[in-house]
Amino acid sequence: MGRLGKFEIKRIQDATGRQVCYSKRRSGIMKKARELAVLCDAQVAVVVLSSTGKHHHFCSDGADIKGIFDCYQQATGTSLWTEQYEEMQRTLSRLKDINRNLRTEIRQRMGEDLDALEFGELRGLEQSVDAALEVVRQRKYQVITRQTETYKRKVKHSQKVYKSLRQELGFMDNPAFGFMDNPMMGGWDGVAAVEMGGGGSEADMYAFHAVSSQLDLHGMAYRRSDCPL
């Protein structure tokens, strides 16, 4: 049965209907291409690109799409890649110019190749260097400020830990008590100093070890050892 009316060929406005029609007609084209390749022993290549960027292709057995395109170019005397190659050459030339200009600018910022510059160009280069130097200086100050704040927090934390340890050891917050460096006793570990008298000089500082209470196993009682002065 033939169709009752003519079907107007125009773009389908509905996106869903357009996608359904594309899927059906694409399958039909691929089927016809496969039949043509089998029935007529022809080399057939079909490439279809949808509006969403998806691609579908068909190539007859024993051939590849690139080979078929090469045969087409030889048969027609045209080149499918000339325009693309020329565009790639133009892009490559433009990138080389950009690279050369950047290298020249880097050398000029390092004080080289300045003989060919005019006064205005030298002035502009000086302003660019000053602006770059200001950015570097601001960044340096930010790093220094951040490091300083970090060190301050570490020092504050160390002071809190030190104060907590003093409280645990039972030291009074009195200038007459403190730690002293005694090489004979192994440095600061376990050595305390107390001021004897009111002189306040190094000669009046005496070191002693704090010995903890020990359990008298024989008498089953605690005894306190003497602290040697």
N, C-alpha and C. Protein backbone atom coordinates (compact mmCIF):
# COMPACT_ATOMS: atom_id res chain seq x y z
N MET A 1 0.83 -1.20 0.00
CA MET A 1 0.00 0.00 0.00
C MET A 1 0.86 1.24 0.00
N GLY A 2 0.49 2.17 -0.84
CA GLY A 2 1.20 3.42 -0.86
C GLY A 2 0.68 4.37 0.19
N ARG A 3 1.38 5.45 0.36
CA ARG A 3 0.96 6.44 1.35
C ARG A 3 -0.23 7.22 0.83
N LEU A 4 -1.08 7.61 1.77
CA LEU A 4 -2.27 8.37 1.40
C LEU A 4 -1.96 9.81 1.05
N GLY A 5 -0.89 10.36 1.63
CA GLY A 5 -0.55 11.75 1.37
C GLY A 5 0.95 11.95 1.34
N LYS A 6 1.36 13.10 0.87
CA LYS A 6 2.77 13.41 0.83
C LYS A 6 3.26 13.85 2.21
N PHE A 7 4.50 13.45 2.51
CA PHE A 7 5.11 13.81 3.80
C PHE A 7 6.06 14.98 3.55
N GLU A 8 5.81 16.09 4.20
CA GLU A 8 6.63 17.28 4.00
C GLU A 8 7.97 17.12 4.73
N ILE A 9 9.02 17.29 3.98
CA ILE A 9 10.37 17.16 4.56
C ILE A 9 10.75 18.49 5.18
N LYS A 10 10.79 18.54 6.48
CA LYS A 10 11.23 19.70 7.23
C LYS A 10 11.68 19.26 8.60
N ARG A 11 12.33 20.17 9.29
CA ARG A 11 12.86 19.85 10.61
C ARG A 11 11.74 19.57 11.59
N ILE A 12 11.88 18.47 12.32
CA ILE A 12 10.89 18.12 13.34
C ILE A 12 11.14 18.98 14.58
N GLN A 13 10.13 19.69 15.02
CA GLN A 13 10.29 20.64 16.12
C GLN A 13 10.39 19.93 17.47
N ASP A 14 9.62 18.85 17.64
CA ASP A 14 9.63 18.13 18.91
C ASP A 14 10.93 17.34 19.05
N ALA A 15 11.64 17.54 20.19
CA ALA A 15 12.94 16.90 20.38
C ALA A 15 12.81 15.38 20.47
N THR A 16 11.76 14.89 21.15
CA THR A 16 11.57 13.45 21.29
C THR A 16 11.26 12.81 19.94
N GLY A 17 10.34 13.44 19.21
CA GLY A 17 10.00 12.92 17.89
C GLY A 17 11.18 12.96 16.94
N ARG A 18 12.00 14.00 17.07
CA ARG A 18 13.18 14.11 16.20
C ARG A 18 14.17 12.99 16.50
N GLN A 19 14.35 12.65 17.77
CA GLN A 19 15.27 11.58 18.15
C GLN A 19 14.77 10.22 17.68
N VAL A 20 13.46 9.99 17.80
CA VAL A 20 12.88 8.72 17.36
C VAL A 20 13.03 8.56 15.85
N CYS A 21 12.74 9.63 15.12
CA CYS A 21 12.87 9.58 13.66
C CYS A 21 14.32 9.34 13.25
N TYR A 22 15.26 10.00 13.95
CA TYR A 22 16.68 9.80 13.63
C TYR A 22 17.09 8.35 13.85
N SER A 23 16.65 7.74 14.95
CA SER A 23 17.04 6.37 15.24
C SER A 23 16.49 5.40 14.19
N LYS A 24 15.22 5.60 13.81
CA LYS A 24 14.62 4.70 12.82
C LYS A 24 15.27 4.86 11.44
N ARG A 25 15.41 6.07 10.97
CA ARG A 25 15.96 6.28 9.63
C ARG A 25 17.44 5.93 9.58
N ARG A 26 18.16 6.11 10.68
CA ARG A 26 19.56 5.70 10.70
C ARG A 26 19.68 4.18 10.53
N SER A 27 18.84 3.47 11.22
CA SER A 27 18.86 2.01 11.09
C SER A 27 18.53 1.60 9.65
N GLY A 28 17.59 2.31 9.03
CA GLY A 28 17.24 2.00 7.64
C GLY A 28 18.39 2.27 6.69
N ILE A 29 19.10 3.38 6.89
CA ILE A 29 20.24 3.70 6.02
C ILE A 29 21.34 2.67 6.17
N MET A 30 21.63 2.26 7.41
CA MET A 30 22.66 1.26 7.64
C MET A 30 22.27 -0.08 7.00
N LYS A 31 20.99 -0.42 7.06
CA LYS A 31 20.53 -1.66 6.44
C LYS A 31 20.68 -1.62 4.93
N LYS A 32 20.30 -0.50 4.31
CA LYS A 32 20.43 -0.37 2.86
C LYS A 32 21.88 -0.39 2.43
N ALA A 33 22.76 0.24 3.22
CA ALA A 33 24.19 0.24 2.89
C ALA A 33 24.75 -1.17 2.96
N ARG A 34 24.36 -1.94 3.95
CA ARG A 34 24.83 -3.32 4.09
C ARG A 34 24.32 -4.18 2.92
N GLU A 35 23.08 -3.99 2.54
CA GLU A 35 22.53 -4.74 1.40
C GLU A 35 23.25 -4.38 0.10
N LEU A 36 23.53 -3.10 -0.08
CA LEU A 36 24.22 -2.67 -1.29
C LEU A 36 25.62 -3.27 -1.37
N ALA A 37 26.32 -3.34 -0.23
CA ALA A 37 27.68 -3.89 -0.21
C ALA A 37 27.66 -5.39 -0.51
N VAL A 38 26.64 -6.10 -0.02
CA VAL A 38 26.59 -7.54 -0.23
C VAL A 38 26.10 -7.88 -1.63
N LEU A 39 25.05 -7.23 -2.09
CA LEU A 39 24.45 -7.56 -3.38
C LEU A 39 25.34 -7.15 -4.55
N CYS A 40 25.97 -6.01 -4.45
CA CYS A 40 26.72 -5.47 -5.59
C CYS A 40 28.23 -5.58 -5.43
N ASP A 41 28.70 -6.19 -4.33
CA ASP A 41 30.14 -6.31 -4.08
C ASP A 41 30.83 -4.94 -4.17
N ALA A 42 30.22 -3.97 -3.52
CA ALA A 42 30.73 -2.60 -3.55
C ALA A 42 31.34 -2.24 -2.21
N GLN A 43 32.25 -1.30 -2.25
CA GLN A 43 32.83 -0.77 -1.02
C GLN A 43 31.98 0.43 -0.58
N VAL A 44 31.35 0.26 0.56
CA VAL A 44 30.40 1.26 1.05
C VAL A 44 30.85 1.72 2.43
N ALA A 45 30.83 3.02 2.65
CA ALA A 45 31.13 3.61 3.96
C ALA A 45 30.10 4.68 4.24
N VAL A 46 29.48 4.60 5.42
CA VAL A 46 28.47 5.56 5.82
C VAL A 46 28.83 6.07 7.21
N VAL A 47 28.87 7.39 7.36
CA VAL A 47 29.14 8.03 8.64
C VAL A 47 27.97 8.96 8.95
N VAL A 48 27.38 8.81 10.12
CA VAL A 48 26.23 9.61 10.52
C VAL A 48 26.53 10.25 11.87
N LEU A 49 26.33 11.56 11.96
CA LEU A 49 26.53 12.31 13.20
C LEU A 49 25.20 12.91 13.63
N SER A 50 24.81 12.66 14.85
CA SER A 50 23.55 13.19 15.37
C SER A 50 23.73 14.62 15.85
N SER A 51 22.62 15.26 16.17
CA SER A 51 22.67 16.64 16.68
C SER A 51 23.26 16.72 18.08
N THR A 52 23.29 15.59 18.79
CA THR A 52 23.86 15.56 20.13
C THR A 52 25.35 15.21 20.13
N GLY A 53 25.92 14.99 18.95
CA GLY A 53 27.35 14.70 18.86
C GLY A 53 27.68 13.22 18.78
N LYS A 54 26.70 12.34 18.86
CA LYS A 54 26.97 10.91 18.76
C LYS A 54 27.18 10.53 17.29
N HIS A 55 28.07 9.60 17.06
CA HIS A 55 28.37 9.18 15.69
C HIS A 55 28.10 7.69 15.52
N HIS A 56 27.68 7.34 14.33
CA HIS A 56 27.46 5.96 13.94
C HIS A 56 28.01 5.79 12.53
N HIS A 57 28.60 4.66 12.28
CA HIS A 57 29.19 4.44 10.96
C HIS A 57 29.05 2.99 10.55
N PHE A 58 29.14 2.79 9.26
CA PHE A 58 29.13 1.45 8.68
C PHE A 58 30.18 1.39 7.59
N CYS A 59 30.89 0.27 7.54
CA CYS A 59 31.89 0.06 6.50
C CYS A 59 31.78 -1.38 6.03
N SER A 60 31.84 -1.56 4.71
CA SER A 60 31.69 -2.90 4.15
C SER A 60 32.86 -3.78 4.56
N ASP A 61 32.63 -5.09 4.53
CA ASP A 61 33.65 -6.04 4.94
C ASP A 61 34.88 -5.95 4.02
N GLY A 62 36.06 -6.10 4.64
CA GLY A 62 37.30 -6.07 3.87
C GLY A 62 37.76 -4.69 3.51
N ALA A 63 37.16 -3.65 4.07
CA ALA A 63 37.55 -2.27 3.77
C ALA A 63 37.52 -1.47 5.05
N ASP A 64 38.11 -0.29 5.01
CA ASP A 64 38.06 0.64 6.14
C ASP A 64 37.70 2.01 5.61
N ILE A 65 37.18 2.84 6.49
CA ILE A 65 36.67 4.14 6.08
C ILE A 65 37.77 5.01 5.48
N LYS A 66 38.95 5.01 6.09
CA LYS A 66 40.04 5.83 5.57
C LYS A 66 40.45 5.37 4.17
N GLY A 67 40.51 4.04 3.96
CA GLY A 67 40.86 3.54 2.63
C GLY A 67 39.84 3.95 1.59
N ILE A 68 38.55 3.91 1.95
CA ILE A 68 37.50 4.32 1.02
C ILE A 68 37.61 5.81 0.71
N PHE A 69 37.92 6.64 1.72
CA PHE A 69 38.10 8.06 1.50
C PHE A 69 39.30 8.33 0.59
N ASP A 70 40.38 7.56 0.77
CA ASP A 70 41.55 7.73 -0.10
C ASP A 70 41.20 7.38 -1.55
N CYS A 71 40.45 6.30 -1.73
CA CYS A 71 40.03 5.94 -3.09
C CYS A 71 39.14 7.03 -3.70
N TYR A 72 38.30 7.63 -2.87
CA TYR A 72 37.44 8.71 -3.35
C TYR A 72 38.27 9.92 -3.79
N GLN A 73 39.30 10.24 -3.02
CA GLN A 73 40.15 11.36 -3.40
C GLN A 73 40.89 11.09 -4.71
N GLN A 74 41.36 9.87 -4.89
CA GLN A 74 42.05 9.53 -6.13
C GLN A 74 41.10 9.55 -7.32
N ALA A 75 39.88 9.10 -7.10
CA ALA A 75 38.93 9.05 -8.20
C ALA A 75 38.45 10.43 -8.62
N THR A 76 38.30 11.32 -7.66
CA THR A 76 37.79 12.67 -7.95
C THR A 76 38.89 13.70 -8.13
N GLY A 77 40.12 13.35 -7.74
CA GLY A 77 41.21 14.31 -7.86
C GLY A 77 41.14 15.44 -6.85
N THR A 78 40.50 15.21 -5.76
CA THR A 78 40.37 16.21 -4.69
C THR A 78 41.09 15.72 -3.45
N SER A 79 41.28 16.64 -2.50
CA SER A 79 41.92 16.30 -1.23
C SER A 79 41.00 16.73 -0.10
N LEU A 80 40.65 15.75 0.73
CA LEU A 80 39.78 16.04 1.87
C LEU A 80 40.53 16.63 3.05
N TRP A 81 41.86 16.49 3.05
CA TRP A 81 42.65 16.89 4.22
C TRP A 81 43.45 18.16 3.99
N THR A 82 43.40 18.73 2.77
CA THR A 82 44.22 19.92 2.49
C THR A 82 43.82 21.09 3.37
N GLU A 83 42.54 21.35 3.46
CA GLU A 83 42.08 22.48 4.27
C GLU A 83 42.41 22.28 5.74
N GLN A 84 42.22 21.05 6.23
CA GLN A 84 42.55 20.78 7.62
C GLN A 84 44.05 20.91 7.87
N TYR A 85 44.86 20.43 6.93
CA TYR A 85 46.31 20.54 7.07
C TYR A 85 46.75 22.00 7.08
N GLU A 86 46.18 22.80 6.19
CA GLU A 86 46.53 24.22 6.16
C GLU A 86 46.13 24.92 7.45
N GLU A 87 44.98 24.55 8.01
CA GLU A 87 44.56 25.14 9.27
C GLU A 87 45.52 24.75 10.40
N MET A 88 45.98 23.50 10.39
CA MET A 88 46.95 23.07 11.39
C MET A 88 48.27 23.81 11.23
N GLN A 89 48.68 24.07 10.00
CA GLN A 89 49.91 24.83 9.76
C GLN A 89 49.78 26.27 10.27
N ARG A 90 48.63 26.88 10.05
CA ARG A 90 48.41 28.24 10.55
C ARG A 90 48.41 28.27 12.08
N THR A 91 47.79 27.27 12.68
CA THR A 91 47.79 27.19 14.15
C THR A 91 49.21 27.01 14.69
N LEU A 92 49.98 26.14 14.04
CA LEU A 92 51.36 25.91 14.47
C LEU A 92 52.20 27.18 14.34
N SER A 93 52.03 27.90 13.23
CA SER A 93 52.78 29.16 13.05
C SER A 93 52.40 30.18 14.12
N ARG A 94 51.10 30.27 14.44
CA ARG A 94 50.66 31.22 15.47
C ARG A 94 51.23 30.86 16.83
N LEU A 95 51.27 29.58 17.16
CA LEU A 95 51.83 29.15 18.44
C LEU A 95 53.33 29.40 18.51
N LYS A 96 54.03 29.24 17.39
CA LYS A 96 55.46 29.54 17.36
C LYS A 96 55.72 31.02 17.61
N ASP A 97 54.89 31.89 17.02
CA ASP A 97 55.04 33.34 17.26
C ASP A 97 54.81 33.68 18.73
N ILE A 98 53.78 33.07 19.32
CA ILE A 98 53.51 33.33 20.73
C ILE A 98 54.67 32.86 21.60
N ASN A 99 55.21 31.69 21.29
CA ASN A 99 56.34 31.15 22.05
C ASN A 99 57.57 32.04 21.91
N ARG A 100 57.83 32.52 20.72
CA ARG A 100 58.99 33.38 20.49
C ARG A 100 58.83 34.71 21.25
N ASN A 101 57.64 35.29 21.22
CA ASN A 101 57.41 36.55 21.93
C ASN A 101 57.55 36.35 23.45
N LEU A 102 57.08 35.23 23.96
CA LEU A 102 57.21 34.97 25.40
C LEU A 102 58.66 34.79 25.80
N ARG A 103 59.43 34.09 24.98
CA ARG A 103 60.85 33.92 25.28
C ARG A 103 61.58 35.26 25.26
N THR A 104 61.22 36.11 24.29
CA THR A 104 61.84 37.43 24.23
C THR A 104 61.48 38.26 25.46
N GLU A 105 60.22 38.20 25.87
CA GLU A 105 59.79 38.95 27.06
C GLU A 105 60.51 38.46 28.31
N ILE A 106 60.71 37.14 28.42
CA ILE A 106 61.43 36.59 29.58
C ILE A 106 62.87 37.08 29.60
N ARG A 107 63.54 37.07 28.45
CA ARG A 107 64.93 37.56 28.40
C ARG A 107 64.99 39.04 28.75
N GLN A 108 64.03 39.82 28.28
CA GLN A 108 64.02 41.25 28.59
C GLN A 108 63.77 41.50 30.07
N ARG A 109 62.94 40.70 30.69
CA ARG A 109 62.71 40.84 32.13
C ARG A 109 63.94 40.47 32.94
N MET A 110 64.82 39.66 32.33
CA MET A 110 66.08 39.30 32.99
C MET A 110 67.20 40.26 32.64
N GLY A 111 66.88 41.33 31.89
CA GLY A 111 67.87 42.35 31.56
C GLY A 111 68.64 42.07 30.28
N GLU A 112 68.16 41.19 29.42
CA GLU A 112 68.85 40.86 28.18
C GLU A 112 68.06 41.39 26.99
N ASP A 113 68.75 41.54 25.85
CA ASP A 113 68.13 41.97 24.59
C ASP A 113 67.37 43.28 24.77
N LEU A 114 67.97 44.26 25.40
CA LEU A 114 67.32 45.55 25.62
C LEU A 114 67.76 46.61 24.63
N ASP A 115 68.76 46.32 23.79
CA ASP A 115 69.29 47.33 22.87
C ASP A 115 68.28 47.74 21.82
N ALA A 116 67.41 46.83 21.41
CA ALA A 116 66.46 47.13 20.33
C ALA A 116 65.21 47.85 20.84
N LEU A 117 65.08 48.06 22.13
CA LEU A 117 63.87 48.68 22.68
C LEU A 117 63.99 50.20 22.69
N GLU A 118 62.89 50.87 22.40
CA GLU A 118 62.82 52.32 22.48
C GLU A 118 62.56 52.75 23.93
N PHE A 119 62.56 54.07 24.13
CA PHE A 119 62.37 54.59 25.48
C PHE A 119 61.01 54.20 26.04
N GLY A 120 59.97 54.32 25.22
CA GLY A 120 58.63 53.96 25.70
C GLY A 120 58.53 52.49 26.04
N GLU A 121 59.16 51.64 25.23
CA GLU A 121 59.13 50.21 25.52
C GLU A 121 59.90 49.88 26.79
N LEU A 122 61.02 50.57 26.99
CA LEU A 122 61.78 50.37 28.22
C LEU A 122 60.98 50.82 29.45
N ARG A 123 60.27 51.94 29.27
CA ARG A 123 59.45 52.44 30.37
C ARG A 123 58.33 51.44 30.70
N GLY A 124 57.69 50.90 29.67
CA GLY A 124 56.65 49.91 29.91
C GLY A 124 57.19 48.65 30.56
N LEU A 125 58.41 48.23 30.13
CA LEU A 125 59.03 47.06 30.73
C LEU A 125 59.34 47.31 32.20
N GLU A 126 59.79 48.51 32.51
CA GLU A 126 60.08 48.85 33.90
C GLU A 126 58.81 48.80 34.76
N GLN A 127 57.72 49.32 34.24
CA GLN A 127 56.46 49.29 34.98
C GLN A 127 55.98 47.85 35.18
N SER A 128 56.15 47.02 34.16
CA SER A 128 55.75 45.61 34.28
C SER A 128 56.56 44.90 35.35
N VAL A 129 57.88 45.18 35.37
CA VAL A 129 58.74 44.56 36.37
C VAL A 129 58.37 45.04 37.77
N ASP A 130 58.07 46.35 37.91
CA ASP A 130 57.67 46.88 39.22
C ASP A 130 56.37 46.24 39.69
N ALA A 131 55.42 46.08 38.78
CA ALA A 131 54.16 45.46 39.15
C ALA A 131 54.36 44.00 39.58
N ALA A 132 55.21 43.29 38.82
CA ALA A 132 55.49 41.89 39.18
C ALA A 132 56.21 41.81 40.53
N LEU A 133 57.12 42.76 40.78
CA LEU A 133 57.84 42.78 42.05
C LEU A 133 56.89 43.05 43.21
N GLU A 134 55.91 43.91 43.01
CA GLU A 134 54.94 44.20 44.06
C GLU A 134 54.10 42.96 44.38
N VAL A 135 53.73 42.22 43.35
CA VAL A 135 52.97 40.99 43.57
C VAL A 135 53.79 39.98 44.36
N VAL A 136 55.08 39.84 43.99
CA VAL A 136 55.95 38.90 44.70
C VAL A 136 56.13 39.34 46.15
N ARG A 137 56.29 40.65 46.37
CA ARG A 137 56.48 41.16 47.73
C ARG A 137 55.24 40.91 48.59
N GLN A 138 54.05 41.13 48.04
CA GLN A 138 52.82 40.87 48.79
C GLN A 138 52.69 39.39 49.12
N ARG A 139 53.04 38.55 48.17
CA ARG A 139 52.97 37.12 48.44
C ARG A 139 53.97 36.72 49.54
N LYS A 140 55.16 37.32 49.51
CA LYS A 140 56.15 37.03 50.54
C LYS A 140 55.64 37.45 51.91
N TYR A 141 55.03 38.62 52.00
CA TYR A 141 54.50 39.09 53.28
C TYR A 141 53.39 38.17 53.78
N GLN A 142 52.55 37.68 52.89
CA GLN A 142 51.50 36.75 53.29
C GLN A 142 52.08 35.47 53.87
N VAL A 143 53.13 34.96 53.23
CA VAL A 143 53.77 33.73 53.72
C VAL A 143 54.40 33.97 55.08
N ILE A 144 55.10 35.11 55.21
CA ILE A 144 55.75 35.42 56.49
C ILE A 144 54.71 35.59 57.60
N THR A 145 53.62 36.28 57.29
CA THR A 145 52.56 36.49 58.30
C THR A 145 51.96 35.16 58.72
N ARG A 146 51.70 34.28 57.77
CA ARG A 146 51.12 32.98 58.10
C ARG A 146 52.08 32.15 58.95
N GLN A 147 53.36 32.17 58.60
CA GLN A 147 54.34 31.43 59.39
C GLN A 147 54.48 32.01 60.80
N THR A 148 54.45 33.34 60.91
CA THR A 148 54.54 33.99 62.22
C THR A 148 53.37 33.60 63.11
N GLU A 149 52.16 33.62 62.53
CA GLU A 149 50.99 33.22 63.31
C GLU A 149 51.10 31.76 63.75
N THR A 150 51.62 30.91 62.87
CA THR A 150 51.78 29.50 63.24
C THR A 150 52.76 29.34 64.38
N TYR A 151 53.89 30.07 64.31
CA TYR A 151 54.89 29.99 65.38
C TYR A 151 54.33 30.54 66.70
N LYS A 152 53.53 31.60 66.62
CA LYS A 152 52.93 32.15 67.83
C LYS A 152 52.00 31.13 68.50
N ARG A 153 51.21 30.45 67.67
CA ARG A 153 50.32 29.43 68.23
C ARG A 153 51.12 28.30 68.87
N LYS A 154 52.25 27.92 68.24
CA LYS A 154 53.08 26.86 68.80
C LYS A 154 53.69 27.29 70.13
N VAL A 155 54.17 28.55 70.20
CA VAL A 155 54.75 29.05 71.44
C VAL A 155 53.69 29.13 72.54
N LYS A 156 52.50 29.59 72.20
CA LYS A 156 51.42 29.66 73.19
C LYS A 156 51.06 28.28 73.70
N HIS A 157 51.01 27.33 72.79
CA HIS A 157 50.72 25.95 73.19
C HIS A 157 51.83 25.41 74.10
N SER A 158 53.09 25.71 73.77
CA SER A 158 54.21 25.25 74.60
C SER A 158 54.16 25.87 75.99
N GLN A 159 53.77 27.14 76.05
CA GLN A 159 53.65 27.79 77.36
C GLN A 159 52.55 27.13 78.19
N LYS A 160 51.44 26.78 77.56
CA LYS A 160 50.37 26.11 78.30
C LYS A 160 50.83 24.74 78.80
N VAL A 161 51.54 24.01 77.95
CA VAL A 161 52.04 22.70 78.37
C VAL A 161 53.02 22.86 79.51
N TYR A 162 53.92 23.86 79.44
CA TYR A 162 54.90 24.09 80.49
C TYR A 162 54.22 24.45 81.81
N LYS A 163 53.21 25.30 81.74
CA LYS A 163 52.49 25.69 82.95
C LYS A 163 51.77 24.50 83.55
N SER A 164 51.20 23.65 82.69
CA SER A 164 50.52 22.46 83.20
C SER A 164 51.51 21.51 83.87
N LEU A 165 52.70 21.36 83.29
CA LEU A 165 53.71 20.50 83.89
C LEU A 165 54.19 21.05 85.23
N ARG A 166 54.33 22.37 85.32
CA ARG A 166 54.73 22.98 86.60
C ARG A 166 53.69 22.70 87.68
N GLN A 167 52.41 22.79 87.29
CA GLN A 167 51.37 22.53 88.27
C GLN A 167 51.37 21.06 88.69
N GLU A 168 51.63 20.17 87.74
CA GLU A 168 51.68 18.75 88.09
C GLU A 168 52.86 18.44 89.00
N LEU A 169 53.99 19.11 88.82
CA LEU A 169 55.16 18.87 89.66
C LEU A 169 55.07 19.58 91.01
N GLY A 170 54.09 20.47 91.14
CA GLY A 170 53.88 21.12 92.43
C GLY A 170 54.77 22.33 92.65
N PHE A 171 55.35 22.91 91.58
CA PHE A 171 56.17 24.10 91.74
C PHE A 171 55.29 25.30 91.97
N MET A 172 55.74 26.20 92.81
CA MET A 172 55.03 27.45 93.03
C MET A 172 55.47 28.46 91.98
N ASP A 173 54.55 29.35 91.66
CA ASP A 173 54.87 30.41 90.70
C ASP A 173 55.65 31.49 91.43
N ASN A 174 56.94 31.21 91.66
CA ASN A 174 57.79 32.10 92.43
C ASN A 174 59.13 32.22 91.72
N PRO A 175 59.65 33.45 91.54
CA PRO A 175 60.94 33.59 90.85
C PRO A 175 62.07 32.88 91.56
N ALA A 176 61.89 32.54 92.85
CA ALA A 176 62.98 31.87 93.56
C ALA A 176 63.14 30.43 93.12
N PHE A 177 62.15 29.87 92.40
CA PHE A 177 62.22 28.49 91.93
C PHE A 177 62.33 28.50 90.42
N GLY A 178 63.03 27.53 89.89
CA GLY A 178 63.16 27.42 88.44
C GLY A 178 64.09 26.31 88.07
N PHE A 179 64.29 26.11 86.79
CA PHE A 179 65.17 25.08 86.28
C PHE A 179 66.56 25.67 86.08
N MET A 180 67.57 24.81 86.20
CA MET A 180 68.93 25.25 85.95
C MET A 180 69.61 24.19 85.09
N ASP A 181 70.56 24.59 84.31
CA ASP A 181 71.30 23.69 83.43
C ASP A 181 72.51 23.17 84.19
N ASN A 182 72.51 21.89 84.50
CA ASN A 182 73.59 21.28 85.25
C ASN A 182 74.14 20.13 84.43
N PRO A 183 75.29 20.29 83.78
CA PRO A 183 75.83 19.22 82.95
C PRO A 183 76.13 17.97 83.75
N MET A 184 76.47 18.11 85.01
CA MET A 184 76.81 16.95 85.81
C MET A 184 75.58 16.10 86.09
N MET A 185 74.41 16.74 86.08
CA MET A 185 73.17 16.02 86.38
C MET A 185 72.42 15.64 85.12
N GLY A 186 73.02 15.89 83.95
CA GLY A 186 72.34 15.52 82.72
C GLY A 186 71.46 16.61 82.14
N GLY A 187 71.79 17.87 82.43
CA GLY A 187 71.03 18.96 81.83
C GLY A 187 69.81 19.31 82.65
N TRP A 188 68.70 19.56 81.96
CA TRP A 188 67.47 20.03 82.60
C TRP A 188 66.63 18.91 83.16
N ASP A 189 66.92 17.66 82.79
CA ASP A 189 66.05 16.55 83.16
C ASP A 189 66.17 16.25 84.65
N GLY A 190 65.11 16.45 85.37
CA GLY A 190 65.03 16.02 86.75
C GLY A 190 65.83 16.87 87.72
N VAL A 191 66.35 18.03 87.28
CA VAL A 191 67.17 18.86 88.15
C VAL A 191 66.43 20.15 88.43
N ALA A 192 66.33 20.55 89.66
CA ALA A 192 65.68 21.79 90.03
C ALA A 192 66.67 22.66 90.78
N ALA A 193 66.40 23.95 90.88
CA ALA A 193 67.28 24.87 91.59
C ALA A 193 66.46 25.71 92.53
N VAL A 194 67.01 26.04 93.67
CA VAL A 194 66.34 26.89 94.64
C VAL A 194 67.34 27.92 95.14
N GLU A 195 66.85 29.12 95.33
CA GLU A 195 67.72 30.20 95.81
C GLU A 195 67.81 30.14 97.32
N MET A 196 69.02 30.02 97.83
CA MET A 196 69.26 29.98 99.27
C MET A 196 69.76 31.35 99.72
N GLY A 197 68.97 32.02 100.49
CA GLY A 197 69.36 33.34 100.93
C GLY A 197 68.79 34.40 100.02
N GLY A 198 69.25 35.61 100.15
CA GLY A 198 68.72 36.72 99.37
C GLY A 198 69.68 37.30 98.40
N GLY A 199 70.80 36.60 98.13
CA GLY A 199 71.80 37.18 97.25
C GLY A 199 71.35 37.21 95.80
N GLY A 200 70.74 36.12 95.33
CA GLY A 200 70.24 36.10 93.97
C GLY A 200 71.31 35.86 92.93
N SER A 201 72.53 35.48 93.33
CA SER A 201 73.60 35.27 92.36
C SER A 201 73.66 33.79 92.02
N GLU A 202 74.49 33.48 90.98
CA GLU A 202 74.63 32.09 90.57
C GLU A 202 75.29 31.26 91.68
N ALA A 203 76.10 31.89 92.52
CA ALA A 203 76.77 31.15 93.59
C ALA A 203 75.79 30.68 94.64
N ASP A 204 74.61 31.35 94.74
CA ASP A 204 73.62 30.99 95.75
C ASP A 204 72.62 29.97 95.26
N MET A 205 72.79 29.43 94.02
CA MET A 205 71.87 28.45 93.46
C MET A 205 72.39 27.05 93.72
N TYR A 206 71.57 26.20 94.34
CA TYR A 206 71.95 24.83 94.66
C TYR A 206 70.99 23.88 93.94
N ALA A 207 71.55 22.80 93.45
CA ALA A 207 70.74 21.83 92.70
C ALA A 207 70.45 20.63 93.56
N PHE A 208 69.28 20.06 93.37
CA PHE A 208 68.94 18.84 94.07
C PHE A 208 68.00 18.04 93.17
N HIS A 209 67.90 16.74 93.46
CA HIS A 209 67.00 15.84 92.76
C HIS A 209 65.79 15.58 93.63
N ALA A 210 64.61 15.63 93.04
CA ALA A 210 63.39 15.27 93.78
C ALA A 210 63.18 13.78 93.66
N VAL A 211 63.23 13.07 94.80
CA VAL A 211 63.09 11.63 94.82
C VAL A 211 61.69 11.30 95.32
N SER A 212 60.96 10.49 94.54
CA SER A 212 59.58 10.16 94.90
C SER A 212 59.55 9.17 96.06
N SER A 213 58.40 9.10 96.68
CA SER A 213 58.21 8.15 97.79
C SER A 213 58.30 6.74 97.27
N GLN A 214 58.92 5.86 98.06
CA GLN A 214 59.09 4.46 97.67
C GLN A 214 58.46 3.56 98.72
N LEU A 215 58.01 2.42 98.27
CA LEU A 215 57.36 1.48 99.18
C LEU A 215 58.41 0.63 99.88
N ASP A 216 58.35 0.62 101.22
CA ASP A 216 59.25 -0.21 102.01
C ASP A 216 58.66 -1.61 102.05
N LEU A 217 59.27 -2.49 101.28
CA LEU A 217 58.72 -3.84 101.18
C LEU A 217 58.88 -4.62 102.49
N HIS A 218 59.92 -4.30 103.26
CA HIS A 218 60.13 -5.03 104.50
C HIS A 218 59.15 -4.58 105.57
N GLY A 219 58.99 -3.25 105.67
CA GLY A 219 58.09 -2.75 106.71
C GLY A 219 56.67 -2.58 106.24
N MET A 220 56.39 -2.88 104.93
CA MET A 220 55.06 -2.72 104.35
C MET A 220 54.52 -1.33 104.61
N ALA A 221 55.40 -0.34 104.49
CA ALA A 221 54.97 1.05 104.69
C ALA A 221 55.80 1.92 103.78
N TYR A 222 55.33 3.13 103.58
CA TYR A 222 56.05 4.09 102.74
C TYR A 222 57.12 4.78 103.56
N ARG A 223 58.24 5.05 102.89
CA ARG A 223 59.29 5.86 103.51
C ARG A 223 59.77 6.89 102.48
N ARG A 224 60.23 8.00 102.90
CA ARG A 224 60.70 9.09 102.03
C ARG A 224 62.22 9.17 102.12
N SER A 225 62.86 9.06 100.99
CA SER A 225 64.31 9.19 100.93
C SER A 225 64.73 10.65 101.05
N ASP A 226 65.93 10.81 101.59
CA ASP A 226 66.43 12.15 101.73
C ASP A 226 66.79 12.71 100.37
N CYS A 227 66.60 14.02 100.20
CA CYS A 227 66.97 14.70 98.96
C CYS A 227 68.38 15.25 99.14
N PRO A 228 69.36 14.78 98.44
CA PRO A 228 70.70 15.29 98.62
C PRO A 228 70.82 16.71 98.10
N LEU A 229 71.41 17.61 98.89
CA LEU A 229 71.62 18.99 98.48
C LEU A 229 73.00 19.13 97.90
